[in-house]
Amino acid sequence: MSASGGTKAIVAALGANLAIAAAKFVAFAFSGSSSMLAEGVHSIADSGNQGLLLLGGKKAKRAATAEHPFGYGRERYIYGFLVSIVLFTIGGVFALYEGYEKIHEPHKLDNWYWPVGVLVFAIIAEGFSFRTAIKESNELRGKQTWTQFVRRAKAPELPVVLLEDFGALVGLVLALGGVGLTLATGDGIWDGIGTMCIGALLVLIALILAAETKSLLLGEAAGPEQIAQIRAAVVDGDVVTRVIHMRTLHLGPDELLVAAKIAVKHDGIATQIAEAINAAEARIREAVPIARVIYLEPDIYNEATAAAGTDPSKTPSGH
């Protein structure tokens, strides 16, 4: 996983969530608080999510194969999408169900100091995890707002950890509020209401993550700044006069496919090359109708290039 994958933030969140989950389940066992149970399941789900992100980062490092010539960079998007599903089902839906049950059959809390103590500890631990995620994100987001960073980031890990940690902190405050109101009023229904609020929050975050990672899975282009840089780099003003049209596609957070058709100065040779390429494109579309987007790069054959094989990085010219 690249540095942009936020490995440090993921590991910090994983450690914090495992410790917090254990503490929450102990508090639930002594107090019977549904908020504690929902929060415990939430922390387990978050721990599983961090494991998924680390696994996705590892799988994405695999080398390209004949079956997957562009590599496995999108594995990180797939596992990011799985995180949103886990957060929705295990975290959000369970909390909503548990809150609903508690509202219909409320009971007072036993040993109230357990949930209160654990919630204070959890807020501190999640705060440190959130701080790590913010620090790593600030190195990448530049002048973007936090909303823009979450929506535009091509690496899914940091936005996922940021939203998870933010949701965890807000959920802990909601749980503390539910427990506090239950203690103040003696009515266990507030614990259930707090649990329902936690579930609604988790479902909302899961839907946001699902929408963003779905967009990455479908394939996103490079950002406007990168596209402008590529266009400026292609045109030399001497031979290459302009970009006719260009398309970019993220094969993964750290891999970008650039396909462009360029205009060169008009002369007899350039005209012949252009006509040959257009004719070849027509033949391809006739033979394989689903080949709708085709970009052919003209080159000069030589034995050294051919001997290097199909790996572009190994060719002497670097094509």
Foldseek 3Di string as FASTA:
>chain_A
DDLLLLLVLLVLLLVLLVVLLVLLVVLCVQWVQLLSVLLSQLSVLSNVLSVLQVVLVVQQPDAADPVRNVGRQCSNLVSLLVSLVSLQPRRQVVLQVSLVVCLVPPAAIGPLVSLVVSLVVSLVSLVVSLVSLVVSLCVPQPPDDPVCCLQPQQNNNSNVSNLSSVLSNVLSVLQNVLSVVCVVPVIRNSSSVSSNVSSVSSNVSSVSSNVRSVVSVVWDFDDPVVVVVVQVVVDPVAFFHGWPDKTWTDPHSPDIDIATDTDTDDDDVSVVVVVVVVVVVVVVCVVPVVCDDDGDDDDDDDPQQVVQPDDLCRGPVSD
